[in-house]
């Protein structure tokens, strides 16, 4: 996980808690900011996991094994 993703996950949990601690009336806004930051963090994590796009994966099959199913 990259530093950017770790920062976003930490911020998604810390910022709403600070908002509620400062002003209880901001709970609705805190929930919305939590969901938005969590979504951005998840998108960042998905971007970190992806490999190089367009690279084909080659799977070698065993030549000795019959590939047809017997009924």
PDB file of N, CA and C in Angstrom:
ATOM      1  N   UNK A   1       0.856  -1.171   0.000  1.00  0.00           N
ATOM      2  CA  UNK A   1       0.000   0.000   0.000  1.00  0.00           C
ATOM      3  C   UNK A   1       0.906   1.238   0.000  1.00  0.00           C
ATOM      4  N   UNK A   2       0.582   2.159  -0.876  1.00  0.00           N
ATOM      5  CA  UNK A   2       1.428   3.343  -1.002  1.00  0.00           C
ATOM      6  C   UNK A   2       1.172   4.312   0.160  1.00  0.00           C
ATOM      7  N   UNK A   3       2.071   5.265   0.287  1.00  0.00           N
ATOM      8  CA  UNK A   3       1.938   6.272   1.347  1.00  0.00           C
ATOM      9  C   UNK A   3       0.684   7.111   1.154  1.00  0.00           C
ATOM     10  N   UNK A   4       0.349   7.413  -0.111  1.00  0.00           N
ATOM     11  CA  UNK A   4      -0.853   8.196  -0.396  1.00  0.00           C
ATOM     12  C   UNK A   4      -2.112   7.463   0.075  1.00  0.00           C
ATOM     13  N   UNK A   5      -2.196   6.177  -0.190  1.00  0.00           N
ATOM     14  CA  UNK A   5      -3.357   5.383   0.218  1.00  0.00           C
ATOM     15  C   UNK A   5      -3.438   5.292   1.735  1.00  0.00           C
ATOM     16  N   UNK A   6      -2.316   5.079   2.384  1.00  0.00           N
ATOM     17  CA  UNK A   6      -2.285   5.012   3.850  1.00  0.00           C
ATOM     18  C   UNK A   6      -2.725   6.340   4.459  1.00  0.00           C
ATOM     19  N   UNK A   7      -2.273   7.441   3.855  1.00  0.00           N
ATOM     20  CA  UNK A   7      -2.666   8.769   4.319  1.00  0.00           C
ATOM     21  C   UNK A   7      -4.175   8.973   4.172  1.00  0.00           C
ATOM     22  N   UNK A   8      -4.745   8.555   3.045  1.00  0.00           N
ATOM     23  CA  UNK A   8      -6.182   8.729   2.827  1.00  0.00           C
ATOM     24  C   UNK A   8      -7.011   7.886   3.792  1.00  0.00           C
ATOM     25  N   UNK A   9      -6.593   6.654   4.060  1.00  0.00           N
ATOM     26  CA  UNK A   9      -7.326   5.827   5.025  1.00  0.00           C
ATOM     27  C   UNK A   9      -7.252   6.433   6.427  1.00  0.00           C
ATOM     28  N   UNK A  10      -6.091   6.944   6.801  1.00  0.00           N
ATOM     29  CA  UNK A  10      -5.950   7.572   8.113  1.00  0.00           C
ATOM     30  C   UNK A  10      -6.802   8.830   8.203  1.00  0.00           C
ATOM     31  N   UNK A  11      -6.766   9.639   7.158  1.00  0.00           N
ATOM     32  CA  UNK A  11      -7.565  10.860   7.138  1.00  0.00           C
ATOM     33  C   UNK A  11      -9.050  10.587   7.139  1.00  0.00           C
ATOM     34  N   UNK A  12      -9.466   9.504   6.476  1.00  0.00           N
ATOM     35  CA  UNK A  12     -10.883   9.162   6.436  1.00  0.00           C
ATOM     36  C   UNK A  12     -11.412   8.840   7.827  1.00  0.00           C
ATOM     37  N   UNK A  13     -10.559   8.342   8.691  1.00  0.00           N
ATOM     38  CA  UNK A  13     -11.008   8.004  10.042  1.00  0.00           C
ATOM     39  C   UNK A  13     -10.768   9.129  11.041  1.00  0.00           C
ATOM     40  N   UNK A  14      -9.719   9.901  10.832  1.00  0.00           N
ATOM     41  CA  UNK A  14      -9.370  10.934  11.807  1.00  0.00           C
ATOM     42  C   UNK A  14     -10.175  12.218  11.620  1.00  0.00           C
ATOM     43  N   UNK A  15     -10.365  12.669  10.393  1.00  0.00           N
ATOM     44  CA  UNK A  15     -11.029  13.944  10.149  1.00  0.00           C
ATOM     45  C   UNK A  15     -12.469  13.977  10.686  1.00  0.00           C
ATOM     46  N   UNK A  16     -13.310  12.967  10.423  1.00  0.00           N
ATOM     47  CA  UNK A  16     -14.656  13.021  10.994  1.00  0.00           C
ATOM     48  C   UNK A  16     -14.670  13.008  12.524  1.00  0.00           C
ATOM     49  N   UNK A  17     -13.736  12.283  13.115  1.00  0.00           N
ATOM     50  CA  UNK A  17     -13.675  12.258  14.581  1.00  0.00           C
ATOM     51  C   UNK A  17     -13.317  13.639  15.125  1.00  0.00           C
ATOM     52  N   UNK A  18     -12.407  14.324  14.475  1.00  0.00           N
ATOM     53  CA  UNK A  18     -12.039  15.678  14.899  1.00  0.00           C
ATOM     54  C   UNK A  18     -13.205  16.637  14.689  1.00  0.00           C
ATOM     55  N   UNK A  19     -13.925  16.475  13.568  1.00  0.00           N
ATOM     56  CA  UNK A  19     -15.074  17.345  13.296  1.00  0.00           C
ATOM     57  C   UNK A  19     -16.147  17.193  14.368  1.00  0.00           C
ATOM     58  N   UNK A  20     -16.415  15.964  14.767  1.00  0.00           N
ATOM     59  CA  UNK A  20     -17.437  15.730  15.797  1.00  0.00           C
ATOM     60  C   UNK A  20     -16.955  16.209  17.154  1.00  0.00           C
ATOM     61  N   UNK A  21     -15.661  16.070  17.442  1.00  0.00           N
ATOM     62  CA  UNK A  21     -15.125  16.527  18.720  1.00  0.00           C
ATOM     63  C   UNK A  21     -15.214  18.054  18.842  1.00  0.00           C
ATOM     64  N   UNK A  22     -15.042  18.749  17.735  1.00  0.00           N
ATOM     65  CA  UNK A  22     -15.095  20.214  17.761  1.00  0.00           C
ATOM     66  C   UNK A  22     -16.530  20.733  17.810  1.00  0.00           C
ATOM     67  N   UNK A  23     -17.423  20.071  17.074  1.00  0.00           N
ATOM     68  CA  UNK A  23     -18.790  20.554  16.984  1.00  0.00           C
ATOM     69  C   UNK A  23     -19.711  19.365  16.733  1.00  0.00           C
ATOM     70  N   UNK A  24     -20.513  19.016  17.722  1.00  0.00           N
ATOM     71  CA  UNK A  24     -21.396  17.856  17.623  1.00  0.00           C
ATOM     72  C   UNK A  24     -22.442  18.059  16.530  1.00  0.00           C
ATOM     73  N   UNK A  25     -22.792  19.291  16.245  1.00  0.00           N
ATOM     74  CA  UNK A  25     -23.799  19.558  15.223  1.00  0.00           C
ATOM     75  C   UNK A  25     -23.291  19.246  13.815  1.00  0.00           C
ATOM     76  N   UNK A  26     -22.015  19.052  13.657  1.00  0.00           N
ATOM     77  CA  UNK A  26     -21.439  18.752  12.344  1.00  0.00           C
ATOM     78  C   UNK A  26     -21.385  17.250  12.073  1.00  0.00           C
ATOM     79  N   UNK A  27     -22.171  16.470  12.790  1.00  0.00           N
ATOM     80  CA  UNK A  27     -22.124  15.011  12.637  1.00  0.00           C
ATOM     81  C   UNK A  27     -22.541  14.587  11.234  1.00  0.00           C
ATOM     82  N   UNK A  28     -23.544  15.227  10.671  1.00  0.00           N
ATOM     83  CA  UNK A  28     -23.976  14.878   9.321  1.00  0.00           C
ATOM     84  C   UNK A  28     -22.897  15.136   8.292  1.00  0.00           C
ATOM     85  N   UNK A  29     -22.255  16.283   8.403  1.00  0.00           N
ATOM     86  CA  UNK A  29     -21.163  16.620   7.503  1.00  0.00           C
ATOM     87  C   UNK A  29     -19.964  15.688   7.726  1.00  0.00           C
ATOM     88  N   UNK A  30     -19.759  15.283   8.958  1.00  0.00           N
ATOM     89  CA  UNK A  30     -18.660  14.364   9.262  1.00  0.00           C
ATOM     90  C   UNK A  30     -18.892  13.006   8.603  1.00  0.00           C
ATOM     91  N   UNK A  31     -20.132  12.539   8.613  1.00  0.00           N
ATOM     92  CA  UNK A  31     -20.445  11.255   7.975  1.00  0.00           C
ATOM     93  C   UNK A  31     -20.240  11.354   6.466  1.00  0.00           C
ATOM     94  N   UNK A  32     -20.673  12.452   5.874  1.00  0.00           N
ATOM     95  CA  UNK A  32     -20.491  12.634   4.441  1.00  0.00           C
ATOM     96  C   UNK A  32     -19.010  12.719   4.062  1.00  0.00           C
ATOM     97  N   UNK A  33     -18.237  13.429   4.864  1.00  0.00           N
ATOM     98  CA  UNK A  33     -16.799  13.521   4.579  1.00  0.00           C
ATOM     99  C   UNK A  33     -16.122  12.167   4.782  1.00  0.00           C
ATOM    100  N   UNK A  34     -16.580  11.394   5.766  1.00  0.00           N
ATOM    101  CA  UNK A  34     -16.029  10.052   5.989  1.00  0.00           C
ATOM    102  C   UNK A  34     -16.271   9.172   4.768  1.00  0.00           C
ATOM    103  N   UNK A  35     -17.491   9.184   4.256  1.00  0.00           N
ATOM    104  CA  UNK A  35     -17.807   8.357   3.094  1.00  0.00           C
ATOM    105  C   UNK A  35     -17.022   8.795   1.857  1.00  0.00           C
ATOM    106  N   UNK A  36     -16.901  10.101   1.663  1.00  0.00           N
ATOM    107  CA  UNK A  36     -16.151  10.605   0.506  1.00  0.00           C
ATOM    108  C   UNK A  36     -14.672  10.234   0.605  1.00  0.00           C
ATOM    109  N   UNK A  37     -14.069  10.452   1.766  1.00  0.00           N
ATOM    110  CA  UNK A  37     -12.648  10.121   1.930  1.00  0.00           C
ATOM    111  C   UNK A  37     -12.405   8.617   1.860  1.00  0.00           C
ATOM    112  N   UNK A  38     -13.323   7.832   2.382  1.00  0.00           N
ATOM    113  CA  UNK A  38     -13.181   6.380   2.310  1.00  0.00           C
ATOM    114  C   UNK A  38     -13.280   5.914   0.863  1.00  0.00           C
ATOM    115  N   UNK A  39     -14.177   6.509   0.086  1.00  0.00           N
ATOM    116  CA  UNK A  39     -14.276   6.170  -1.328  1.00  0.00           C
ATOM    117  C   UNK A  39     -13.010   6.501  -2.093  1.00  0.00           C
ATOM    118  N   UNK A  40     -12.443   7.665  -1.833  1.00  0.00           N
ATOM    119  CA  UNK A  40     -11.192   8.057  -2.492  1.00  0.00           C
ATOM    120  C   UNK A  40     -10.059   7.121  -2.073  1.00  0.00           C
ATOM    121  N   UNK A  41     -10.021   6.746  -0.804  1.00  0.00           N
ATOM    122  CA  UNK A  41      -8.984   5.835  -0.324  1.00  0.00           C
ATOM    123  C   UNK A  41      -9.118   4.459  -0.980  1.00  0.00           C
ATOM    124  N   UNK A  42     -10.338   3.983  -1.141  1.00  0.00           N
ATOM    125  CA  UNK A  42     -10.537   2.691  -1.793  1.00  0.00           C
ATOM    126  C   UNK A  42     -10.135   2.746  -3.264  1.00  0.00           C
ATOM    127  N   UNK A  43     -10.469   3.833  -3.941  1.00  0.00           N
ATOM    128  CA  UNK A  43     -10.048   3.979  -5.334  1.00  0.00           C
ATOM    129  C   UNK A  43      -8.529   4.044  -5.450  1.00  0.00           C
ATOM    130  N   UNK A  44      -7.898   4.696  -4.510  1.00  0.00           N
ATOM    131  CA  UNK A  44      -6.442   4.763  -4.498  1.00  0.00           C
ATOM    132  C   UNK A  44      -5.843   3.370  -4.265  1.00  0.00           C
ATOM    133  N   UNK A  45      -6.455   2.596  -3.385  1.00  0.00           N
ATOM    134  CA  UNK A  45      -5.965   1.243  -3.112  1.00  0.00           C
ATOM    135  C   UNK A  45      -6.127   0.346  -4.331  1.00  0.00           C
ATOM    136  N   UNK A  46      -7.235   0.499  -5.050  1.00  0.00           N
ATOM    137  CA  UNK A  46      -7.438  -0.291  -6.269  1.00  0.00           C
ATOM    138  C   UNK A  46      -6.396   0.094  -7.308  1.00  0.00           C
ATOM    139  N   UNK A  47      -6.081   1.367  -7.394  1.00  0.00           N
ATOM    140  CA  UNK A  47      -5.053   1.815  -8.327  1.00  0.00           C
ATOM    141  C   UNK A  47      -3.678   1.286  -7.974  1.00  0.00           C
ATOM    142  N   UNK A  48      -3.412   1.101  -6.694  1.00  0.00           N
ATOM    143  CA  UNK A  48      -2.128   0.563  -6.270  1.00  0.00           C
ATOM    144  C   UNK A  48      -1.982  -0.905  -6.619  1.00  0.00           C
ATOM    145  N   UNK A  49      -3.081  -1.646  -6.609  1.00  0.00           N
ATOM    146  CA  UNK A  49      -3.037  -3.086  -6.811  1.00  0.00           C
ATOM    147  C   UNK A  49      -2.918  -3.478  -8.271  1.00  0.00           C
ATOM    148  N   UNK A  50      -3.352  -2.633  -9.181  1.00  0.00           N
ATOM    149  CA  UNK A  50      -3.353  -2.991 -10.596  1.00  0.00           C
ATOM    150  C   UNK A  50      -1.952  -3.154 -11.154  1.00  0.00           C
ATOM    151  N   UNK A  51      -1.821  -4.102 -12.067  1.00  0.00           N
ATOM    152  CA  UNK A  51      -0.545  -4.294 -12.733  1.00  0.00           C
ATOM    153  C   UNK A  51      -0.473  -3.392 -13.948  1.00  0.00           C
ATOM    154  N   UNK A  52       0.444  -3.693 -14.810  1.00  0.00           N
ATOM    155  CA  UNK A  52       0.583  -2.908 -16.037  1.00  0.00           C
ATOM    156  C   UNK A  52      -0.584  -3.239 -16.964  1.00  0.00           C
ATOM    157  N   UNK A  53      -1.331  -2.235 -17.413  1.00  0.00           N
ATOM    158  CA  UNK A  53      -2.478  -2.521 -18.267  1.00  0.00           C
ATOM    159  C   UNK A  53      -2.030  -2.986 -19.649  1.00  0.00           C
ATOM    160  N   UNK A  54      -2.775  -3.933 -20.194  1.00  0.00           N
ATOM    161  CA  UNK A  54      -2.495  -4.417 -21.537  1.00  0.00           C
ATOM    162  C   UNK A  54      -1.440  -5.499 -21.605  1.00  0.00           C
ATOM    163  N   UNK A  55      -0.933  -5.945 -20.478  1.00  0.00           N
ATOM    164  CA  UNK A  55       0.073  -6.993 -20.491  1.00  0.00           C
ATOM    165  C   UNK A  55      -0.647  -8.336 -20.439  1.00  0.00           C
ATOM    166  N   UNK A  56      -0.416  -9.146 -21.442  1.00  0.00           N
ATOM    167  CA  UNK A  56      -1.071 -10.451 -21.508  1.00  0.00           C
ATOM    168  C   UNK A  56      -0.386 -11.430 -20.556  1.00  0.00           C
ATOM    169  N   UNK A  57      -1.192 -12.277 -19.962  1.00  0.00           N
ATOM    170  CA  UNK A  57      -0.672 -13.313 -19.072  1.00  0.00           C
ATOM    171  C   UNK A  57      -0.692 -14.627 -19.838  1.00  0.00           C
ATOM    172  N   UNK A  58       0.440 -15.271 -19.942  1.00  0.00           N
ATOM    173  CA  UNK A  58       0.530 -16.522 -20.669  1.00  0.00           C
ATOM    174  C   UNK A  58       0.444 -17.679 -19.700  1.00  0.00           C
ATOM    175  N   UNK A  59      -0.431 -18.608 -19.997  1.00  0.00           N
ATOM    176  CA  UNK A  59      -0.599 -19.795 -19.169  1.00  0.00           C
ATOM    177  C   UNK A  59      -0.164 -20.990 -19.997  1.00  0.00           C
ATOM    178  N   UNK A  60       0.872 -21.662 -19.553  1.00  0.00           N
ATOM    179  CA  UNK A  60       1.351 -22.850 -20.258  1.00  0.00           C
ATOM    180  C   UNK A  60       0.538 -24.047 -19.806  1.00  0.00           C
ATOM    181  N   UNK A  61       0.105 -24.836 -20.787  1.00  0.00           N
ATOM    182  CA  UNK A  61      -0.661 -26.030 -20.425  1.00  0.00           C
ATOM    183  C   UNK A  61       0.255 -27.236 -20.496  1.00  0.00           C
ATOM    184  N   UNK A  62      -0.112 -28.236 -19.784  1.00  0.00           N
ATOM    185  CA  UNK A  62       0.655 -29.466 -19.771  1.00  0.00           C
ATOM    186  C   UNK A  62       0.315 -30.233 -21.049  1.00  0.00           C
ATOM    187  N   UNK A  63       1.297 -30.486 -21.900  1.00  0.00           N
ATOM    188  CA  UNK A  63       1.058 -31.138 -23.191  1.00  0.00           C
ATOM    189  C   UNK A  63       0.682 -32.605 -23.029  1.00  0.00           C
ATOM    190  N   UNK A  64       1.091 -33.213 -21.949  1.00  0.00           N
ATOM    191  CA  UNK A  64       0.816 -34.644 -21.753  1.00  0.00           C
ATOM    192  C   UNK A  64      -0.620 -34.890 -21.298  1.00  0.00           C
ATOM    193  N   UNK A  65      -1.275 -33.891 -20.787  1.00  0.00           N
ATOM    194  CA  UNK A  65      -2.610 -34.071 -20.219  1.00  0.00           C
ATOM    195  C   UNK A  65      -3.671 -33.876 -21.293  1.00  0.00           C
ATOM    196  N   UNK A  66      -4.664 -34.764 -21.313  1.00  0.00           N
ATOM    197  CA  UNK A  66      -5.756 -34.663 -22.273  1.00  0.00           C
ATOM    198  C   UNK A  66      -6.672 -33.522 -21.838  1.00  0.00           C
ATOM    199  N   UNK A  67      -6.962 -32.612 -22.754  1.00  0.00           N
ATOM    200  CA  UNK A  67      -7.775 -31.448 -22.376  1.00  0.00           C
ATOM    201  C   UNK A  67      -9.259 -31.700 -22.552  1.00  0.00           C
ATOM    202  N   UNK A  68      -9.633 -32.806 -23.215  1.00  0.00           N
ATOM    203  CA  UNK A  68     -11.051 -33.104 -23.429  1.00  0.00           C
ATOM    204  C   UNK A  68     -11.601 -33.892 -22.238  1.00  0.00           C
ATOM    205  N   UNK A  69     -12.819 -33.554 -21.877  1.00  0.00           N
ATOM    206  CA  UNK A  69     -13.458 -34.265 -20.766  1.00  0.00           C
ATOM    207  C   UNK A  69     -14.050 -35.578 -21.271  1.00  0.00           C
ATOM    208  N   UNK A  70     -13.913 -36.600 -20.479  1.00  0.00           N
ATOM    209  CA  UNK A  70     -14.518 -37.886 -20.816  1.00  0.00           C
ATOM    210  C   UNK A  70     -15.887 -37.957 -20.176  1.00  0.00           C
ATOM    211  N   UNK A  71     -16.822 -38.475 -20.942  1.00  0.00           N
ATOM    212  CA  UNK A  71     -18.190 -38.600 -20.413  1.00  0.00           C
ATOM    213  C   UNK A  71     -18.469 -39.970 -19.927  1.00  0.00           C
TER     214      UNK A  71
END
